[in-house]
Amino acid sequence: MIEELRGKGIGTFMLNILFKRAKLSDLHIILLEVRESNKRARKFYQNNGFEELRKKRKDKILYGYIY
């Protein structure tokens, strides 16, 4: 993300579109990978309903959103 655009709600907006499209497609689980070192992204996803599932590799964590 470009620094000047951080905190403007763009990521949340895009994530909400993803959630709506998933519901329309009858999808109930969304998985993503985040580098363990990317604390800002991890916090963002946790604040938006994702839960840490497990470490997949040495430097990545698998997150999932289930609704």
Protein backbone atom coordinates (compact mmCIF):
# COMPACT_ATOMS: atom_id res chain seq x y z
CA MET A 1 0.00 0.00 0.00
CA ILE A 2 1.27 3.47 -0.84
CA GLU A 3 1.98 5.29 2.42
CA GLU A 4 -0.17 8.32 1.50
CA LEU A 5 -3.18 6.03 1.01
CA ARG A 6 -2.90 4.18 4.34
CA GLY A 7 -5.73 4.80 6.75
CA LYS A 8 -8.16 6.00 4.07
CA GLY A 9 -10.39 2.92 4.30
CA ILE A 10 -9.44 1.53 0.89
CA GLY A 11 -8.39 -1.88 2.24
CA THR A 12 -11.56 -2.19 4.31
CA PHE A 13 -13.66 -1.17 1.31
CA MET A 14 -12.00 -3.81 -0.88
CA LEU A 15 -12.32 -6.47 1.81
CA ASN A 16 -16.03 -5.73 2.19
CA ILE A 17 -16.51 -6.20 -1.55
CA LEU A 18 -14.73 -9.56 -1.26
CA PHE A 19 -17.01 -10.62 1.62
CA LYS A 20 -20.14 -9.62 -0.31
CA ARG A 21 -19.00 -11.46 -3.45
CA ALA A 22 -18.19 -14.54 -1.38
CA LYS A 23 -21.67 -14.54 0.15
CA LEU A 24 -23.29 -14.12 -3.26
CA SER A 25 -21.26 -17.10 -4.47
CA ASP A 26 -22.25 -19.13 -1.40
CA LEU A 27 -18.62 -19.31 -0.21
CA HIS A 28 -18.22 -19.58 3.55
CA ILE A 29 -14.46 -19.67 4.03
CA ILE A 30 -11.80 -17.24 2.85
CA LEU A 31 -8.14 -18.12 3.37
CA LEU A 32 -5.09 -15.93 2.94
CA GLU A 33 -1.40 -16.01 3.71
CA VAL A 34 0.39 -13.21 5.53
CA ARG A 35 4.07 -12.95 6.35
CA GLU A 36 4.59 -13.25 10.07
CA SER A 37 6.76 -10.13 9.96
CA ASN A 38 3.93 -8.05 8.42
CA LYS A 39 2.36 -6.98 11.70
CA ARG A 40 0.32 -4.18 10.16
CA ALA A 41 -1.41 -6.56 7.72
CA ARG A 42 -1.93 -9.19 10.41
CA LYS A 43 -3.63 -6.64 12.65
CA PHE A 44 -5.77 -5.38 9.76
CA TYR A 45 -7.04 -8.86 8.94
CA GLN A 46 -7.64 -9.74 12.59
CA ASN A 47 -9.62 -6.51 13.03
CA ASN A 48 -11.73 -7.56 10.04
CA GLY A 49 -12.73 -10.98 11.32
CA PHE A 50 -9.86 -13.18 10.20
CA GLU A 51 -8.43 -15.65 12.69
CA GLU A 52 -4.97 -17.15 12.70
CA LEU A 53 -5.24 -20.80 11.72
CA ARG A 54 -1.66 -22.03 11.68
CA LYS A 55 1.82 -21.36 10.50
CA LYS A 56 2.18 -22.76 7.04
CA ARG A 57 5.87 -22.18 6.56
CA LYS A 58 8.67 -20.64 8.52
CA ASP A 59 7.71 -17.06 7.63
CA LYS A 60 4.01 -17.27 6.73
CA ILE A 61 0.83 -17.60 8.72
CA LEU A 62 -2.43 -18.83 7.24
CA TYR A 63 -5.47 -16.75 8.18
CA GLY A 64 -9.08 -17.67 7.62
CA TYR A 65 -12.39 -15.87 7.71
CA ILE A 66 -15.38 -18.08 8.32
CA TYR A 67 -18.96 -16.85 8.34
